[in-house]
Amino acid sequence: MLKYFCADLTAAQAAELAALERKTALRLFRLFRERMAALAADECPFAGEVEIDESYFGATRVRGRRGRGAGRKMPVFGILERGGRVHTQIGSCPR
């Protein structure tokens, strides 16, 4: 069932291929998702409410290019944990 889950099949498709009841497949898929969420929560450096923002820094206008990341603008991504720490990361400059 895990192989079918990783292959992004629906629970109904996986149940048919594995010769199981659809409800059994649904229960197993739910358990897989709950375990993935628990593992992700254990590794997450943030807790509670967080704010996320992005900005692009660089020349105000590059002739012939429009929009985000146009030209040689540098993307900057930030995460703020309410009442806590701030994490920022600067992306690589597009060439």
PDB file of N, CA and C in Angstrom:
ATOM      1  N   MET A   1       0.820  -1.195   0.000  1.00  0.00           N
ATOM      2  CA  MET A   1       0.000   0.000   0.000  1.00  0.00           C
ATOM      3  C   MET A   1       0.861   1.254   0.000  1.00  0.00           C
ATOM      4  N   LEU A   2       2.003   1.184   0.685  1.00  0.00           N
ATOM      5  CA  LEU A   2       2.886   2.349   0.719  1.00  0.00           C
ATOM      6  C   LEU A   2       3.401   2.681  -0.677  1.00  0.00           C
ATOM      7  N   LYS A   3       3.657   1.661  -1.461  1.00  0.00           N
ATOM      8  CA  LYS A   3       4.107   1.875  -2.845  1.00  0.00           C
ATOM      9  C   LYS A   3       3.037   2.615  -3.645  1.00  0.00           C
ATOM     10  N   TYR A   4       1.796   2.249  -3.474  1.00  0.00           N
ATOM     11  CA  TYR A   4       0.704   2.918  -4.181  1.00  0.00           C
ATOM     12  C   TYR A   4       0.506   4.340  -3.668  1.00  0.00           C
ATOM     13  N   PHE A   5       0.692   4.525  -2.355  1.00  0.00           N
ATOM     14  CA  PHE A   5       0.584   5.855  -1.759  1.00  0.00           C
ATOM     15  C   PHE A   5       1.648   6.782  -2.355  1.00  0.00           C
ATOM     16  N   CYS A   6       2.879   6.278  -2.451  1.00  0.00           N
ATOM     17  CA  CYS A   6       3.983   7.071  -3.006  1.00  0.00           C
ATOM     18  C   CYS A   6       3.806   7.329  -4.499  1.00  0.00           C
ATOM     19  N   ALA A   7       3.098   6.436  -5.178  1.00  0.00           N
ATOM     20  CA  ALA A   7       2.847   6.611  -6.609  1.00  0.00           C
ATOM     21  C   ALA A   7       1.711   7.599  -6.864  1.00  0.00           C
ATOM     22  N   ASP A   8       1.143   8.173  -5.781  1.00  0.00           N
ATOM     23  CA  ASP A   8       0.085   9.178  -5.865  1.00  0.00           C
ATOM     24  C   ASP A   8      -1.203   8.627  -6.468  1.00  0.00           C
ATOM     25  N   LEU A   9      -1.499   7.368  -6.173  1.00  0.00           N
ATOM     26  CA  LEU A   9      -2.776   6.790  -6.582  1.00  0.00           C
ATOM     27  C   LEU A   9      -3.835   7.135  -5.546  1.00  0.00           C
ATOM     28  N   THR A  10      -5.085   7.116  -5.950  1.00  0.00           N
ATOM     29  CA  THR A  10      -6.159   7.317  -4.982  1.00  0.00           C
ATOM     30  C   THR A  10      -6.303   6.048  -4.158  1.00  0.00           C
ATOM     31  N   ALA A  11      -6.972   6.173  -3.021  1.00  0.00           N
ATOM     32  CA  ALA A  11      -7.180   5.013  -2.165  1.00  0.00           C
ATOM     33  C   ALA A  11      -8.022   3.960  -2.877  1.00  0.00           C
ATOM     34  N   ALA A  12      -8.978   4.398  -3.685  1.00  0.00           N
ATOM     35  CA  ALA A  12      -9.821   3.446  -4.417  1.00  0.00           C
ATOM     36  C   ALA A  12      -8.993   2.668  -5.444  1.00  0.00           C
ATOM     37  N   GLN A  13      -8.104   3.359  -6.145  1.00  0.00           N
ATOM     38  CA  GLN A  13      -7.243   2.678  -7.118  1.00  0.00           C
ATOM     39  C   GLN A  13      -6.299   1.702  -6.418  1.00  0.00           C
ATOM     40  N   ALA A  14      -5.726   2.121  -5.298  1.00  0.00           N
ATOM     41  CA  ALA A  14      -4.805   1.262  -4.550  1.00  0.00           C
ATOM     42  C   ALA A  14      -5.527   0.046  -3.997  1.00  0.00           C
ATOM     43  N   ALA A  15      -6.755   0.237  -3.515  1.00  0.00           N
ATOM     44  CA  ALA A  15      -7.527  -0.882  -2.977  1.00  0.00           C
ATOM     45  C   ALA A  15      -7.802  -1.917  -4.057  1.00  0.00           C
ATOM     46  N   GLU A  16      -8.118  -1.456  -5.236  1.00  0.00           N
ATOM     47  CA  GLU A  16      -8.389  -2.381  -6.343  1.00  0.00           C
ATOM     48  C   GLU A  16      -7.131  -3.165  -6.727  1.00  0.00           C
ATOM     49  N   LEU A  17      -5.991  -2.477  -6.800  1.00  0.00           N
ATOM     50  CA  LEU A  17      -4.741  -3.146  -7.167  1.00  0.00           C
ATOM     51  C   LEU A  17      -4.263  -4.120  -6.087  1.00  0.00           C
ATOM     52  N   ALA A  18      -4.508  -3.787  -4.822  1.00  0.00           N
ATOM     53  CA  ALA A  18      -4.043  -4.627  -3.713  1.00  0.00           C
ATOM     54  C   ALA A  18      -5.089  -5.641  -3.270  1.00  0.00           C
ATOM     55  N   ALA A  19      -6.240  -5.640  -3.907  1.00  0.00           N
ATOM     56  CA  ALA A  19      -7.340  -6.551  -3.564  1.00  0.00           C
ATOM     57  C   ALA A  19      -7.766  -6.377  -2.112  1.00  0.00           C
ATOM     58  N   LEU A  20      -7.943  -5.108  -1.707  1.00  0.00           N
ATOM     59  CA  LEU A  20      -8.411  -4.777  -0.368  1.00  0.00           C
ATOM     60  C   LEU A  20      -9.722  -3.999  -0.471  1.00  0.00           C
ATOM     61  N   GLU A  21     -10.394  -3.870   0.655  1.00  0.00           N
ATOM     62  CA  GLU A  21     -11.592  -3.039   0.709  1.00  0.00           C
ATOM     63  C   GLU A  21     -11.180  -1.574   0.614  1.00  0.00           C
ATOM     64  N   ARG A  22     -12.026  -0.758   0.024  1.00  0.00           N
ATOM     65  CA  ARG A  22     -11.737   0.658  -0.118  1.00  0.00           C
ATOM     66  C   ARG A  22     -11.564   1.331   1.232  1.00  0.00           C
ATOM     67  N   LYS A  23     -12.376   0.967   2.225  1.00  0.00           N
ATOM     68  CA  LYS A  23     -12.274   1.561   3.554  1.00  0.00           C
ATOM     69  C   LYS A  23     -10.938   1.237   4.209  1.00  0.00           C
ATOM     70  N   THR A  24     -10.431   0.045   3.975  1.00  0.00           N
ATOM     71  CA  THR A  24      -9.118  -0.333   4.514  1.00  0.00           C
ATOM     72  C   THR A  24      -8.024   0.525   3.894  1.00  0.00           C
ATOM     73  N   ALA A  25      -8.102   0.727   2.596  1.00  0.00           N
ATOM     74  CA  ALA A  25      -7.118   1.560   1.909  1.00  0.00           C
ATOM     75  C   ALA A  25      -7.199   3.004   2.398  1.00  0.00           C
ATOM     76  N   LEU A  26      -8.407   3.510   2.581  1.00  0.00           N
ATOM     77  CA  LEU A  26      -8.578   4.868   3.097  1.00  0.00           C
ATOM     78  C   LEU A  26      -7.957   5.007   4.483  1.00  0.00           C
ATOM     79  N   ARG A  27      -8.166   4.011   5.353  1.00  0.00           N
ATOM     80  CA  ARG A  27      -7.610   4.050   6.699  1.00  0.00           C
ATOM     81  C   ARG A  27      -6.084   4.034   6.661  1.00  0.00           C
ATOM     82  N   LEU A  28      -5.511   3.183   5.805  1.00  0.00           N
ATOM     83  CA  LEU A  28      -4.058   3.116   5.686  1.00  0.00           C
ATOM     84  C   LEU A  28      -3.482   4.420   5.138  1.00  0.00           C
ATOM     85  N   PHE A  29      -4.106   4.984   4.132  1.00  0.00           N
ATOM     86  CA  PHE A  29      -3.635   6.246   3.568  1.00  0.00           C
ATOM     87  C   PHE A  29      -3.691   7.357   4.614  1.00  0.00           C
ATOM     88  N   ARG A  30      -4.757   7.375   5.435  1.00  0.00           N
ATOM     89  CA  ARG A  30      -4.869   8.370   6.495  1.00  0.00           C
ATOM     90  C   ARG A  30      -3.743   8.192   7.519  1.00  0.00           C
ATOM     91  N   LEU A  31      -3.423   6.945   7.874  1.00  0.00           N
ATOM     92  CA  LEU A  31      -2.330   6.683   8.806  1.00  0.00           C
ATOM     93  C   LEU A  31      -0.989   7.143   8.232  1.00  0.00           C
ATOM     94  N   PHE A  32      -0.781   6.926   6.942  1.00  0.00           N
ATOM     95  CA  PHE A  32       0.449   7.391   6.296  1.00  0.00           C
ATOM     96  C   PHE A  32       0.555   8.917   6.400  1.00  0.00           C
ATOM     97  N   ARG A  33      -0.553   9.615   6.112  1.00  0.00           N
ATOM     98  CA  ARG A  33      -0.546  11.081   6.154  1.00  0.00           C
ATOM     99  C   ARG A  33      -0.312  11.592   7.575  1.00  0.00           C
ATOM    100  N   GLU A  34      -0.945  10.945   8.569  1.00  0.00           N
ATOM    101  CA  GLU A  34      -0.769  11.364   9.955  1.00  0.00           C
ATOM    102  C   GLU A  34       0.682  11.187  10.394  1.00  0.00           C
ATOM    103  N   ARG A  35       1.298  10.086   9.982  1.00  0.00           N
ATOM    104  CA  ARG A  35       2.702   9.842  10.340  1.00  0.00           C
ATOM    105  C   ARG A  35       3.614  10.863   9.663  1.00  0.00           C
ATOM    106  N   MET A  36       3.341  11.186   8.402  1.00  0.00           N
ATOM    107  CA  MET A  36       4.135  12.193   7.697  1.00  0.00           C
ATOM    108  C   MET A  36       4.006  13.548   8.389  1.00  0.00           C
ATOM    109  N   ALA A  37       2.803  13.914   8.810  1.00  0.00           N
ATOM    110  CA  ALA A  37       2.580  15.189   9.494  1.00  0.00           C
ATOM    111  C   ALA A  37       3.315  15.217  10.831  1.00  0.00           C
ATOM    112  N   ALA A  38       3.317  14.106  11.563  1.00  0.00           N
ATOM    113  CA  ALA A  38       4.008  14.047  12.850  1.00  0.00           C
ATOM    114  C   ALA A  38       5.518  14.190  12.657  1.00  0.00           C
ATOM    115  N   LEU A  39       6.074  13.535  11.660  1.00  0.00           N
ATOM    116  CA  LEU A  39       7.506  13.645  11.385  1.00  0.00           C
ATOM    117  C   LEU A  39       7.884  15.059  10.970  1.00  0.00           C
ATOM    118  N   ALA A  40       7.040  15.691  10.159  1.00  0.00           N
ATOM    119  CA  ALA A  40       7.304  17.061   9.720  1.00  0.00           C
ATOM    120  C   ALA A  40       7.241  18.028  10.907  1.00  0.00           C
ATOM    121  N   ALA A  41       6.299  17.814  11.822  1.00  0.00           N
ATOM    122  CA  ALA A  41       6.158  18.688  12.985  1.00  0.00           C
ATOM    123  C   ALA A  41       7.358  18.556  13.918  1.00  0.00           C
ATOM    124  N   ASP A  42       7.920  17.352  14.027  1.00  0.00           N
ATOM    125  CA  ASP A  42       9.088  17.142  14.889  1.00  0.00           C
ATOM    126  C   ASP A  42      10.304  17.887  14.369  1.00  0.00           C
ATOM    127  N   GLU A  43      10.446  17.991  13.060  1.00  0.00           N
ATOM    128  CA  GLU A  43      11.614  18.624  12.461  1.00  0.00           C
ATOM    129  C   GLU A  43      11.444  20.117  12.227  1.00  0.00           C
ATOM    130  N   CYS A  44      10.244  20.638  12.402  1.00  0.00           N
ATOM    131  CA  CYS A  44       9.967  22.049  12.131  1.00  0.00           C
ATOM    132  C   CYS A  44      10.579  22.938  13.214  1.00  0.00           C
ATOM    133  N   PRO A  45      11.371  23.941  12.824  1.00  0.00           N
ATOM    134  CA  PRO A  45      11.980  24.814  13.832  1.00  0.00           C
ATOM    135  C   PRO A  45      11.017  25.844  14.406  1.00  0.00           C
ATOM    136  N   PHE A  46       9.806  25.954  13.883  1.00  0.00           N
ATOM    137  CA  PHE A  46       8.848  26.949  14.324  1.00  0.00           C
ATOM    138  C   PHE A  46       7.650  26.287  14.992  1.00  0.00           C
ATOM    139  N   ALA A  47       7.033  27.027  15.915  1.00  0.00           N
ATOM    140  CA  ALA A  47       5.823  26.545  16.583  1.00  0.00           C
ATOM    141  C   ALA A  47       4.845  27.711  16.678  1.00  0.00           C
ATOM    142  N   GLY A  48       3.573  27.423  16.630  1.00  0.00           N
ATOM    143  CA  GLY A  48       2.572  28.476  16.739  1.00  0.00           C
ATOM    144  C   GLY A  48       2.363  29.201  15.423  1.00  0.00           C
ATOM    145  N   GLU A  49       1.993  30.482  15.531  1.00  0.00           N
ATOM    146  CA  GLU A  49       1.715  31.277  14.339  1.00  0.00           C
ATOM    147  C   GLU A  49       3.010  31.808  13.733  1.00  0.00           C
ATOM    148  N   VAL A  50       3.089  31.755  12.417  1.00  0.00           N
ATOM    149  CA  VAL A  50       4.245  32.295  11.713  1.00  0.00           C
ATOM    150  C   VAL A  50       3.768  33.222  10.605  1.00  0.00           C
ATOM    151  N   GLU A  51       4.615  34.191  10.267  1.00  0.00           N
ATOM    152  CA  GLU A  51       4.350  35.088   9.145  1.00  0.00           C
ATOM    153  C   GLU A  51       5.431  34.856   8.100  1.00  0.00           C
ATOM    154  N   ILE A  52       5.042  34.814   6.845  1.00  0.00           N
ATOM    155  CA  ILE A  52       5.972  34.568   5.751  1.00  0.00           C
ATOM    156  C   ILE A  52       5.851  35.707   4.756  1.00  0.00           C
ATOM    157  N   ASP A  53       7.009  36.177   4.262  1.00  0.00           N
ATOM    158  CA  ASP A  53       6.995  37.257   3.283  1.00  0.00           C
ATOM    159  C   ASP A  53       8.167  37.081   2.326  1.00  0.00           C
ATOM    160  N   GLU A  54       8.031  37.651   1.145  1.00  0.00           N
ATOM    161  CA  GLU A  54       9.097  37.599   0.148  1.00  0.00           C
ATOM    162  C   GLU A  54       9.254  38.980  -0.454  1.00  0.00           C
ATOM    163  N   SER A  55      10.460  39.283  -0.873  1.00  0.00           N
ATOM    164  CA  SER A  55      10.750  40.546  -1.553  1.00  0.00           C
ATOM    165  C   SER A  55      11.806  40.284  -2.601  1.00  0.00           C
ATOM    166  N   TYR A  56      11.883  41.178  -3.564  1.00  0.00           N
ATOM    167  CA  TYR A  56      12.912  41.107  -4.595  1.00  0.00           C
ATOM    168  C   TYR A  56      13.693  42.403  -4.561  1.00  0.00           C
ATOM    169  N   PHE A  57      15.012  42.325  -4.423  1.00  0.00           N
ATOM    170  CA  PHE A  57      15.859  43.507  -4.341  1.00  0.00           C
ATOM    171  C   PHE A  57      16.755  43.572  -5.568  1.00  0.00           C
ATOM    172  N   GLY A  58      16.976  44.780  -6.020  1.00  0.00           N
ATOM    173  CA  GLY A  58      17.829  44.977  -7.183  1.00  0.00           C
ATOM    174  C   GLY A  58      17.415  46.234  -7.916  1.00  0.00           C
ATOM    175  N   ALA A  59      17.789  46.311  -9.172  1.00  0.00           N
ATOM    176  CA  ALA A  59      17.463  47.475  -9.991  1.00  0.00           C
ATOM    177  C   ALA A  59      15.953  47.672 -10.029  1.00  0.00           C
ATOM    178  N   THR A  60      15.529  48.940 -10.038  1.00  0.00           N
ATOM    179  CA  THR A  60      14.097  49.207 -10.049  1.00  0.00           C
ATOM    180  C   THR A  60      13.460  48.787 -11.368  1.00  0.00           C
ATOM    181  N   ARG A  61      14.220  48.904 -12.452  1.00  0.00           N
ATOM    182  CA  ARG A  61      13.673  48.497 -13.747  1.00  0.00           C
ATOM    183  C   ARG A  61      14.811  48.022 -14.639  1.00  0.00           C
ATOM    184  N   VAL A  62      14.602  46.897 -15.247  1.00  0.00           N
ATOM    185  CA  VAL A  62      15.543  46.388 -16.227  1.00  0.00           C
ATOM    186  C   VAL A  62      14.833  46.440 -17.562  1.00  0.00           C
ATOM    187  N   ARG A  63      15.388  47.183 -18.509  1.00  0.00           N
ATOM    188  CA  ARG A  63      14.727  47.412 -19.786  1.00  0.00           C
ATOM    189  C   ARG A  63      14.369  46.085 -20.463  1.00  0.00           C
ATOM    190  N   GLY A  64      13.105  45.982 -20.862  1.00  0.00           N
ATOM    191  CA  GLY A  64      12.651  44.809 -21.602  1.00  0.00           C
ATOM    192  C   GLY A  64      12.169  43.653 -20.735  1.00  0.00           C
ATOM    193  N   ARG A  65      12.334  43.751 -19.439  1.00  0.00           N
ATOM    194  CA  ARG A  65      11.896  42.660 -18.559  1.00  0.00           C
ATOM    195  C   ARG A  65      10.931  43.203 -17.530  1.00  0.00           C
ATOM    196  N   ARG A  66       9.894  42.422 -17.251  1.00  0.00           N
ATOM    197  CA  ARG A  66       8.894  42.841 -16.282  1.00  0.00           C
ATOM    198  C   ARG A  66       8.649  41.730 -15.283  1.00  0.00           C
ATOM    199  N   GLY A  67       8.068  42.083 -14.162  1.00  0.00           N
ATOM    200  CA  GLY A  67       7.631  41.088 -13.189  1.00  0.00           C
ATOM    201  C   GLY A  67       8.682  40.717 -12.166  1.00  0.00           C
ATOM    202  N   ARG A  68       8.307  39.778 -11.301  1.00  0.00           N
ATOM    203  CA  ARG A  68       9.194  39.326 -10.233  1.00  0.00           C
ATOM    204  C   ARG A  68      10.405  38.615 -10.796  1.00  0.00           C
ATOM    205  N   GLY A  69      11.517  38.871 -10.189  1.00  0.00           N
ATOM    206  CA  GLY A  69      12.734  38.204 -10.605  1.00  0.00           C
ATOM    207  C   GLY A  69      13.265  38.679 -11.940  1.00  0.00           C
ATOM    208  N   ALA A  70      12.733  39.790 -12.454  1.00  0.00           N
ATOM    209  CA  ALA A  70      13.176  40.286 -13.751  1.00  0.00           C
ATOM    210  C   ALA A  70      14.621  40.751 -13.657  1.00  0.00           C
ATOM    211  N   GLY A  71      15.352  40.446 -14.678  1.00  0.00           N
ATOM    212  CA  GLY A  71      16.744  40.883 -14.701  1.00  0.00           C
ATOM    213  C   GLY A  71      17.570  40.178 -13.656  1.00  0.00           C
ATOM    214  N   ARG A  72      18.256  40.978 -12.860  1.00  0.00           N
ATOM    215  CA  ARG A  72      19.153  40.407 -11.859  1.00  0.00           C
ATOM    216  C   ARG A  72      18.662  40.707 -10.448  1.00  0.00           C
ATOM    217  N   LYS A  73      17.372  40.698 -10.232  1.00  0.00           N
ATOM    218  CA  LYS A  73      16.840  40.949  -8.896  1.00  0.00           C
ATOM    219  C   LYS A  73      17.102  39.745  -7.997  1.00  0.00           C
ATOM    220  N   MET A  74      17.355  40.016  -6.723  1.00  0.00           N
ATOM    221  CA  MET A  74      17.681  38.995  -5.746  1.00  0.00           C
ATOM    222  C   MET A  74      16.458  38.700  -4.883  1.00  0.00           C
ATOM    223  N   PRO A  75      15.940  37.460  -4.902  1.00  0.00           N
ATOM    224  CA  PRO A  75      14.799  37.137  -4.044  1.00  0.00           C
ATOM    225  C   PRO A  75      15.253  36.963  -2.593  1.00  0.00           C
ATOM    226  N   VAL A  76      14.493  37.537  -1.657  1.00  0.00           N
ATOM    227  CA  VAL A  76      14.749  37.382  -0.224  1.00  0.00           C
ATOM    228  C   VAL A  76      13.466  36.874   0.404  1.00  0.00           C
ATOM    229  N   PHE A  77      13.571  35.807   1.176  1.00  0.00           N
ATOM    230  CA  PHE A  77      12.426  35.125   1.769  1.00  0.00           C
ATOM    231  C   PHE A  77      12.588  35.179   3.280  1.00  0.00           C
ATOM    232  N   GLY A  78      11.542  35.528   4.020  1.00  0.00           N
ATOM    233  CA  GLY A  78      11.639  35.620   5.472  1.00  0.00           C
ATOM    234  C   GLY A  78      10.486  34.945   6.175  1.00  0.00           C
ATOM    235  N   ILE A  79      10.779  34.348   7.335  1.00  0.00           N
ATOM    236  CA  ILE A  79       9.765  33.722   8.177  1.00  0.00           C
ATOM    237  C   ILE A  79       9.916  34.296   9.578  1.00  0.00           C
ATOM    238  N   LEU A  80       8.835  34.793  10.160  1.00  0.00           N
ATOM    239  CA  LEU A  80       8.837  35.350  11.503  1.00  0.00           C
ATOM    240  C   LEU A  80       7.909  34.511  12.373  1.00  0.00           C
ATOM    241  N   GLU A  81       8.450  34.001  13.466  1.00  0.00           N
ATOM    242  CA  GLU A  81       7.616  33.303  14.438  1.00  0.00           C
ATOM    243  C   GLU A  81       7.101  34.355  15.403  1.00  0.00           C
ATOM    244  N   ARG A  82       5.803  34.453  15.578  1.00  0.00           N
ATOM    245  CA  ARG A  82       5.227  35.482  16.442  1.00  0.00           C
ATOM    246  C   ARG A  82       5.820  35.376  17.841  1.00  0.00           C
ATOM    247  N   GLY A  83       6.397  36.478  18.312  1.00  0.00           N
ATOM    248  CA  GLY A  83       7.003  36.503  19.638  1.00  0.00           C
ATOM    249  C   GLY A  83       8.270  35.662  19.726  1.00  0.00           C
ATOM    250  N   GLY A  84       8.859  35.356  18.600  1.00  0.00           N
ATOM    251  CA  GLY A  84      10.018  34.470  18.606  1.00  0.00           C
ATOM    252  C   GLY A  84      11.095  34.935  17.660  1.00  0.00           C
ATOM    253  N   ARG A  85      11.691  33.997  16.970  1.00  0.00           N
ATOM    254  CA  ARG A  85      12.849  34.271  16.125  1.00  0.00           C
ATOM    255  C   ARG A  85      12.459  34.540  14.674  1.00  0.00           C
ATOM    256  N   VAL A  86      13.423  35.055  13.942  1.00  0.00           N
ATOM    257  CA  VAL A  86      13.245  35.354  12.523  1.00  0.00           C
ATOM    258  C   VAL A  86      14.250  34.525  11.735  1.00  0.00           C
ATOM    259  N   HIS A  87      13.816  33.968  10.608  1.00  0.00           N
ATOM    260  CA  HIS A  87      14.699  33.224   9.713  1.00  0.00           C
ATOM    261  C   HIS A  87      14.586  33.853   8.342  1.00  0.00           C
ATOM    262  N   THR A  88      15.724  34.216   7.757  1.00  0.00           N
ATOM    263  CA  THR A  88      15.714  34.760   6.403  1.00  0.00           C
ATOM    264  C   THR A  88      16.653  33.962   5.523  1.00  0.00           C
ATOM    265  N   GLN A  89      16.370  33.960   4.248  1.00  0.00           N
ATOM    266  CA  GLN A  89      17.230  33.280   3.299  1.00  0.00           C
ATOM    267  C   GLN A  89      17.240  34.079   2.014  1.00  0.00           C
ATOM    268  N   ILE A  90      18.434  34.268   1.479  1.00  0.00           N
ATOM    269  CA  ILE A  90      18.592  34.982   0.228  1.00  0.00           C
ATOM    270  C   ILE A  90      18.776  33.953  -0.872  1.00  0.00           C
ATOM    271  N   GLY A  91      17.998  34.081  -1.905  1.00  0.00           N
ATOM    272  CA  GLY A  91      18.092  33.161  -3.026  1.00  0.00           C
ATOM    273  C   GLY A  91      19.278  33.490  -3.913  1.00  0.00           C
ATOM    274  N   SER A  92      19.537  32.635  -4.857  1.00  0.00           N
ATOM    275  CA  SER A  92      20.634  32.898  -5.787  1.00  0.00           C
ATOM    276  C   SER A  92      20.169  33.895  -6.847  1.00  0.00           C
ATOM    277  N   CYS A  93      21.091  34.662  -7.335  1.00  0.00           N
ATOM    278  CA  CYS A  93      20.792  35.681  -8.333  1.00  0.00           C
ATOM    279  C   CYS A  93      20.570  35.018  -9.685  1.00  0.00           C
ATOM    280  N   PRO A  94      19.432  35.239 -10.339  1.00  0.00           N
ATOM    281  CA  PRO A  94      19.216  34.655 -11.662  1.00  0.00           C
ATOM    282  C   PRO A  94      20.150  35.289 -12.681  1.00  0.00           C
ATOM    283  N   ARG A  95      20.612  34.502 -13.620  1.00  0.00           N
ATOM    284  CA  ARG A  95      21.543  35.028 -14.638  1.00  0.00           C
ATOM    285  C   ARG A  95      20.947  34.883 -16.011  1.00  0.00           C
TER     286      ARG A  95
END
